[in-house]
């Protein structure tokens, strides 16, 4: 006898969406989360983070995002929303239970945790996303840099960097937002391998996400990777204006770091206090290694979020899993429905 039909690993936006869908399908489910409170990775993002999609496009299934549908919610609003969503769920969410392993035997799963007995289930949904595994590229001289090196996951607010010389490495939304915020108190460069590319947040009076949904580009099978490559930074005009004004300035990536000195192509070498790596994440799925569900590099073997090697295993919240929005509030509900309909627990 199994404990439950579906064990959902992760209590952030992806896990909550999966739990809602499972309950709507009449399945018994339990959510296991390592944190001690609701909010998922949003509890750890920088203070000023604001969604790039408006509230009307930023809701999980079954509960509209509160407030003006056209406003862009801030981090703390999202945390409060996820807390309210958790409280309304008809699925138990067990906080403080970090999943350590997933194994299979006899057509069932055993989900081991760091507290309490293993949970047995007929199906597993891995919804831990990527925040727990920041990507830190091997940049020349970074390992011997004598200044401060942070990943963007460790950045909270600009005040501790007042008066510093800071380099932000990265070309995505978070890199630009952090660099522009820091430039109000520090001298900042955003360093990228290629020129920044921009997408206007609103087109002909409509939010960019409305256009994606209306045209069908959001869910076209070929579109997620293409869109992700072509429009990495969504902007309402403020960030382009800041970079044009040199606050921050944009440069090609430094050729090397020598202790606390950065060597630049086309610029003099100079002292640097802090390097912030806004270089993204990789899937945080190490607990699936015992089930032989991952590549040697730790990436899940799946198609559209359904494991291609372990029957009954699915994923929700992976970047570009099925659409441009797969790792976002507005995309996880759609993907959860797709995956749970195919796991047949």
Protein backbone atom coordinates (compact mmCIF):
# COMPACT_ATOMS: atom_id res chain seq x y z
CA UNK A 1 0.00 0.00 0.00
CA UNK A 2 1.50 3.33 -1.03
CA UNK A 3 1.36 6.46 1.12
CA UNK A 4 0.05 8.57 -1.72
CA UNK A 5 -0.63 8.71 -5.44
CA UNK A 6 1.78 11.57 -6.17
CA UNK A 7 4.76 12.83 -4.18
CA UNK A 8 5.56 16.41 -5.21
CA UNK A 9 9.07 17.56 -4.39
CA UNK A 10 9.23 21.32 -3.83
CA UNK A 11 6.69 23.72 -2.35
CA UNK A 12 7.36 26.76 -4.52
CA UNK A 13 5.22 27.94 -7.42
CA UNK A 14 5.80 24.79 -9.51
CA UNK A 15 5.03 22.38 -6.67
CA UNK A 16 1.93 24.29 -5.63
CA UNK A 17 0.60 24.29 -9.19
CA UNK A 18 1.22 20.53 -9.43
CA UNK A 19 -0.57 19.97 -6.12
CA UNK A 20 -3.61 21.96 -7.29
CA UNK A 21 -3.79 20.00 -10.53
CA UNK A 22 -3.35 16.65 -8.78
CA UNK A 23 -6.20 17.40 -6.37
CA UNK A 24 -8.41 18.51 -9.26
CA UNK A 25 -7.72 15.15 -10.91
CA UNK A 26 -8.88 13.32 -7.78
CA UNK A 27 -5.37 12.16 -6.85
CA UNK A 28 -3.95 11.88 -3.36
CA UNK A 29 -0.83 14.03 -3.17
CA UNK A 30 1.70 15.34 -0.68
CA UNK A 31 4.17 18.20 -1.13
CA UNK A 32 7.62 17.87 0.48
CA UNK A 33 9.62 21.09 0.86
CA UNK A 34 13.02 21.74 2.43
CA UNK A 35 12.12 25.27 3.56
CA UNK A 36 10.39 26.05 6.84
CA UNK A 37 7.80 28.40 5.33
CA UNK A 38 5.92 29.07 2.07
CA UNK A 39 7.32 31.18 -0.75
CA UNK A 40 9.80 28.87 -2.45
CA UNK A 41 12.86 30.55 -3.90
CA UNK A 42 11.11 33.94 -3.78
CA UNK A 43 12.14 34.17 -0.12
CA UNK A 44 15.77 34.41 -1.25
CA UNK A 45 15.61 36.78 -4.24
CA UNK A 46 16.92 40.35 -4.06
CA UNK A 47 14.63 42.83 -2.33
CA UNK A 48 13.72 44.97 -5.34
CA UNK A 49 12.88 42.14 -7.75
CA UNK A 50 9.75 42.92 -9.74
CA UNK A 51 7.94 40.58 -12.10
CA UNK A 52 8.28 41.25 -15.80
CA UNK A 53 4.73 40.02 -16.38
CA UNK A 54 1.63 41.84 -15.03
CA UNK A 55 -0.57 40.38 -12.32
CA UNK A 56 -3.17 39.12 -14.80
CA UNK A 57 -0.48 36.88 -16.34
CA UNK A 58 1.19 35.93 -13.05
CA UNK A 59 -1.28 33.68 -11.29
CA UNK A 60 -1.33 30.00 -10.42
CA UNK A 61 -4.40 27.92 -11.35
CA UNK A 62 -7.48 28.62 -9.23
CA UNK A 63 -6.43 31.91 -7.58
CA UNK A 64 -6.08 35.26 -9.40
CA UNK A 65 -3.19 37.47 -8.34
CA UNK A 66 -4.60 40.29 -6.16
CA UNK A 67 -4.52 43.97 -7.01
CA UNK A 68 -4.64 45.84 -10.31
CA UNK A 69 -4.42 43.18 -13.06
CA UNK A 70 -2.04 45.42 -15.02
CA UNK A 71 0.45 46.14 -12.24
CA UNK A 72 3.80 44.36 -12.05
CA UNK A 73 4.02 42.58 -8.67
CA UNK A 74 7.05 43.00 -6.42
CA UNK A 75 8.88 40.16 -4.69
CA UNK A 76 7.09 40.54 -1.36
CA UNK A 77 3.70 40.49 -3.10
CA UNK A 78 4.62 37.18 -4.71
CA UNK A 79 5.70 35.72 -1.37
CA UNK A 80 2.39 36.75 0.19
CA UNK A 81 0.47 35.31 -2.76
CA UNK A 82 2.27 31.96 -2.52
CA UNK A 83 1.56 31.86 1.20
CA UNK A 84 -2.15 32.44 0.59
CA UNK A 85 -2.16 29.82 -2.15
CA UNK A 86 -0.52 27.28 0.15
CA UNK A 87 -3.12 27.92 2.84
CA UNK A 88 -5.97 27.29 0.37
CA UNK A 89 -4.63 24.01 -0.98
CA UNK A 90 -6.45 20.77 -0.24
CA UNK A 91 -3.07 19.03 -0.36
CA UNK A 92 -0.79 18.65 2.69
CA UNK A 93 2.46 20.62 2.40
CA UNK A 94 5.16 19.27 4.70
CA UNK A 95 7.78 21.96 5.32
CA UNK A 96 11.21 21.20 6.73
CA UNK A 97 11.51 17.91 4.83
CA UNK A 98 14.40 17.99 2.40
CA UNK A 99 14.25 15.17 -0.13
CA UNK A 100 17.55 13.31 -0.25
CA UNK A 101 16.82 10.46 -2.64
CA UNK A 102 14.24 8.99 -4.99
CA UNK A 103 14.41 5.28 -5.79
CA UNK A 104 12.14 2.92 -7.68
CA UNK A 105 11.10 -0.65 -6.90
CA UNK A 106 8.15 -2.75 -7.96
CA UNK A 107 6.55 0.06 -9.92
CA UNK A 108 6.52 2.43 -6.94
CA UNK A 109 8.77 5.22 -5.72
CA UNK A 110 10.41 5.63 -2.33
CA UNK A 111 11.13 9.27 -1.56
CA UNK A 112 13.71 9.58 1.21
CA UNK A 113 13.93 12.75 3.29
CA UNK A 114 16.22 14.11 5.99
CA UNK A 115 13.38 13.92 8.55
CA UNK A 116 10.86 11.16 9.06
CA UNK A 117 10.25 7.95 7.12
CA UNK A 118 10.38 7.68 3.34
CA UNK A 119 7.21 8.48 1.43
CA UNK A 120 6.05 5.85 -1.03
CA UNK A 121 4.14 6.97 -4.11
CA UNK A 122 2.91 5.73 -7.44
CA UNK A 123 4.25 8.84 -9.19
CA UNK A 124 6.71 11.65 -8.45
CA UNK A 125 6.75 15.23 -9.67
CA UNK A 126 10.11 16.98 -9.26
CA UNK A 127 9.31 20.68 -8.82
CA UNK A 128 12.44 22.02 -7.14
CA UNK A 129 13.34 24.29 -10.05
CA UNK A 130 16.87 25.61 -10.38
CA UNK A 131 17.48 28.21 -7.66
CA UNK A 132 19.29 25.74 -5.41
CA UNK A 133 22.05 25.20 -7.95
CA UNK A 134 23.56 28.55 -9.05
CA UNK A 135 25.79 28.38 -12.11
CA UNK A 136 29.26 29.83 -11.62
CA UNK A 137 31.22 29.84 -14.90
CA UNK A 138 34.97 29.30 -14.95
CA UNK A 139 36.09 32.82 -15.88
CA UNK A 140 39.82 33.63 -16.28
CA UNK A 141 41.29 34.50 -12.90
CA UNK A 142 38.00 34.25 -10.98
CA UNK A 143 39.28 31.47 -8.71
CA UNK A 144 42.20 33.65 -7.50
CA UNK A 145 40.31 36.99 -7.42
CA UNK A 146 41.04 38.66 -4.08
CA UNK A 147 37.91 40.81 -4.02
CA UNK A 148 34.38 39.65 -3.30
CA UNK A 149 32.63 37.19 -5.63
CA UNK A 150 28.87 36.70 -5.30
CA UNK A 151 26.28 34.91 -7.36
CA UNK A 152 23.13 36.94 -7.97
CA UNK A 153 21.32 34.48 -5.66
CA UNK A 154 23.37 35.99 -2.80
CA UNK A 155 22.64 39.64 -3.65
CA UNK A 156 19.93 41.42 -1.64
CA UNK A 157 20.24 45.22 -1.80
CA UNK A 158 22.67 47.90 -3.06
CA UNK A 159 23.63 49.71 0.16
CA UNK A 160 26.52 47.39 1.21
CA UNK A 161 28.25 48.21 -2.10
CA UNK A 162 28.18 52.00 -1.75
CA UNK A 163 31.29 53.53 -3.29
CA UNK A 164 32.57 50.20 -4.62
CA UNK A 165 33.77 49.28 -8.10
CA UNK A 166 31.46 46.45 -9.18
CA UNK A 167 31.29 44.21 -12.24
CA UNK A 168 28.05 42.35 -12.93
CA UNK A 169 28.56 39.41 -15.32
CA UNK A 170 25.49 38.41 -17.32
CA UNK A 171 23.12 39.53 -20.05
CA UNK A 172 19.68 38.59 -18.69
CA UNK A 173 16.92 40.40 -16.84
CA UNK A 174 18.42 39.92 -13.38
CA UNK A 175 21.87 41.08 -14.49
CA UNK A 176 20.51 44.31 -15.92
CA UNK A 177 18.14 44.98 -13.01
CA UNK A 178 20.86 44.40 -10.40
CA UNK A 179 23.46 46.43 -12.30
CA UNK A 180 21.11 49.40 -12.76
CA UNK A 181 20.16 49.35 -9.07
CA UNK A 182 23.78 49.15 -7.93
CA UNK A 183 24.74 52.02 -10.24
CA UNK A 184 22.78 54.39 -7.98
CA UNK A 185 25.39 53.88 -5.21
CA UNK A 186 28.48 52.43 -6.94
CA UNK A 187 30.49 52.54 -10.16
CA UNK A 188 29.18 49.55 -12.09
CA UNK A 189 29.94 47.74 -15.35
CA UNK A 190 27.74 45.05 -16.82
CA UNK A 191 30.05 42.64 -18.64
CA UNK A 192 28.66 40.42 -21.41
CA UNK A 193 30.05 38.19 -24.14
CA UNK A 194 27.73 39.76 -26.72
CA UNK A 195 25.78 43.02 -26.94
CA UNK A 196 22.63 43.23 -24.84
CA UNK A 197 19.39 42.51 -26.69
CA UNK A 198 16.13 44.12 -25.67
CA UNK A 199 12.41 43.48 -25.82
CA UNK A 200 9.96 46.28 -25.07
CA UNK A 201 7.74 45.42 -22.15
CA UNK A 202 4.69 46.92 -23.86
CA UNK A 203 3.87 46.90 -27.57
CA UNK A 204 0.99 49.03 -28.90
CA UNK A 205 -0.30 49.40 -25.37
CA UNK A 206 -0.26 45.67 -24.58
CA UNK A 207 2.17 43.80 -22.37
CA UNK A 208 4.64 41.59 -24.23
CA UNK A 209 3.25 38.49 -22.49
CA UNK A 210 -0.22 39.25 -23.86
CA UNK A 211 1.24 39.17 -27.38
CA UNK A 212 2.97 35.85 -26.71
CA UNK A 213 -0.27 34.26 -25.53
CA UNK A 214 -2.44 35.83 -28.23
CA UNK A 215 -0.18 34.85 -31.13
CA UNK A 216 0.45 31.36 -29.78
CA UNK A 217 4.22 31.88 -29.79
CA UNK A 218 4.30 31.08 -26.10
CA UNK A 219 3.40 27.45 -26.66
CA UNK A 220 4.65 26.82 -30.20
CA UNK A 221 6.98 23.83 -30.03
CA UNK A 222 9.85 25.62 -31.74
CA UNK A 223 9.45 28.95 -29.99
CA UNK A 224 10.77 28.68 -26.39
CA UNK A 225 14.45 28.29 -27.24
CA UNK A 226 14.29 30.86 -30.04
CA UNK A 227 12.51 33.44 -27.92
CA UNK A 228 14.90 32.87 -25.05
CA UNK A 229 17.89 33.54 -27.30
CA UNK A 230 16.50 36.59 -29.06
CA UNK A 231 14.91 38.58 -26.23
CA UNK A 232 16.79 38.06 -23.00
CA UNK A 233 15.99 41.48 -21.46
CA UNK A 234 12.46 42.85 -21.12
CA UNK A 235 12.51 46.61 -20.60
CA UNK A 236 10.04 49.45 -20.06
CA UNK A 237 12.70 51.91 -21.24
CA UNK A 238 14.42 52.58 -17.94
CA UNK A 239 17.25 50.10 -18.31
CA UNK A 240 18.24 51.05 -21.83
CA UNK A 241 18.27 54.68 -20.75
CA UNK A 242 20.48 53.85 -17.76
CA UNK A 243 23.01 52.02 -19.90
CA UNK A 244 23.04 54.77 -22.53
CA UNK A 245 23.86 57.16 -19.70
CA UNK A 246 26.69 54.89 -18.53
CA UNK A 247 25.03 54.02 -15.20
CA UNK A 248 25.94 51.15 -15.52
CA UNK A 249 28.24 51.05 -18.50
CA UNK A 250 28.34 47.95 -20.68
CA UNK A 251 31.59 46.30 -21.77
CA UNK A 252 32.72 43.03 -23.32
CA UNK A 253 33.72 40.47 -20.71
CA UNK A 254 37.12 41.08 -19.12
CA UNK A 255 39.96 39.01 -20.57
CA UNK A 256 41.18 38.03 -17.10
CA UNK A 257 41.24 38.93 -13.43
CA UNK A 258 44.65 39.28 -11.76
CA UNK A 259 44.14 39.30 -7.97
CA UNK A 260 41.92 42.41 -7.67
CA UNK A 261 42.62 43.87 -11.13
CA UNK A 262 40.41 43.39 -14.19
CA UNK A 263 41.99 43.46 -17.66
CA UNK A 264 39.57 44.68 -20.32
CA UNK A 265 39.62 44.65 -24.11
CA UNK A 266 39.82 48.30 -25.16
CA UNK A 267 39.93 49.68 -21.60
CA UNK A 268 42.72 50.21 -19.06
CA UNK A 269 43.23 47.60 -16.35
CA UNK A 270 41.62 48.65 -13.07
CA UNK A 271 40.96 47.66 -9.50
CA UNK A 272 37.67 45.82 -8.85
CA UNK A 273 36.03 45.37 -5.46
CA UNK A 274 33.22 42.98 -6.30
CA UNK A 275 32.16 40.62 -9.08
CA UNK A 276 28.51 39.55 -9.15
CA UNK A 277 27.71 36.54 -11.32
CA UNK A 278 24.20 36.91 -12.75
CA UNK A 279 24.83 33.77 -14.76
CA UNK A 280 21.72 31.74 -14.05
CA UNK A 281 21.15 28.29 -12.62
CA UNK A 282 21.11 24.61 -13.46
CA UNK A 283 18.40 22.10 -12.47
CA UNK A 284 18.56 21.25 -8.75
CA UNK A 285 17.77 17.55 -9.00
CA UNK A 286 20.60 15.64 -7.35
CA UNK A 287 18.12 13.56 -5.34
CA UNK A 288 17.09 11.84 -8.60
CA UNK A 289 20.50 10.29 -9.23
CA UNK A 290 19.60 7.02 -7.45
CA UNK A 291 16.68 6.64 -9.88
CA UNK A 292 19.04 7.02 -12.89
CA UNK A 293 16.87 9.88 -14.20
CA UNK A 294 19.64 12.37 -15.05
CA UNK A 295 22.48 12.85 -17.48
CA UNK A 296 26.04 12.72 -16.20
CA UNK A 297 25.87 16.52 -15.94
CA UNK A 298 22.77 16.44 -13.78
CA UNK A 299 20.18 17.42 -16.41
CA UNK A 300 16.84 15.61 -16.50
CA UNK A 301 16.09 13.25 -19.35
CA UNK A 302 12.57 14.27 -20.33
CA UNK A 303 10.24 15.35 -23.08
CA UNK A 304 7.89 18.17 -22.17
CA UNK A 305 8.40 17.43 -18.47
CA UNK A 306 7.71 13.68 -18.68
CA UNK A 307 10.73 11.48 -17.94
CA UNK A 308 11.90 9.44 -20.91
CA UNK A 309 13.75 6.93 -18.72
CA UNK A 310 11.73 6.52 -15.49
CA UNK A 311 8.00 5.77 -15.87
CA UNK A 312 5.85 7.77 -13.44
CA UNK A 313 8.38 10.58 -13.02
CA UNK A 314 7.61 14.11 -14.18
CA UNK A 315 8.95 17.64 -13.85
CA UNK A 316 7.34 21.05 -13.43
CA UNK A 317 9.19 24.38 -13.39
CA UNK A 318 12.16 23.63 -15.65
CA UNK A 319 13.30 26.53 -17.82
CA UNK A 320 11.80 26.24 -21.34
CA UNK A 321 10.27 22.89 -20.40
CA UNK A 322 7.36 23.40 -22.79
CA UNK A 323 7.19 27.14 -23.34
CA UNK A 324 8.92 30.45 -22.80
CA UNK A 325 6.96 30.70 -19.51
CA UNK A 326 7.65 27.22 -18.11
CA UNK A 327 9.72 28.43 -15.16
CA UNK A 328 7.35 31.30 -14.31
CA UNK A 329 4.17 31.78 -12.30
CA UNK A 330 2.07 32.00 -15.44
CA UNK A 331 3.51 28.87 -17.04
CA UNK A 332 3.74 26.25 -14.30
CA UNK A 333 0.01 25.53 -14.07
CA UNK A 334 -0.25 24.72 -17.75
CA UNK A 335 2.79 22.45 -17.58
CA UNK A 336 1.56 20.74 -14.41
CA UNK A 337 -1.69 19.77 -16.16
CA UNK A 338 0.23 18.44 -19.16
CA UNK A 339 2.58 16.34 -17.02
CA UNK A 340 0.03 14.90 -14.59
CA UNK A 341 -2.24 13.87 -17.46
CA UNK A 342 0.62 11.73 -18.75
CA UNK A 343 1.93 10.15 -15.56
CA UNK A 344 -1.25 8.09 -14.89
CA UNK A 345 -0.51 7.43 -11.21
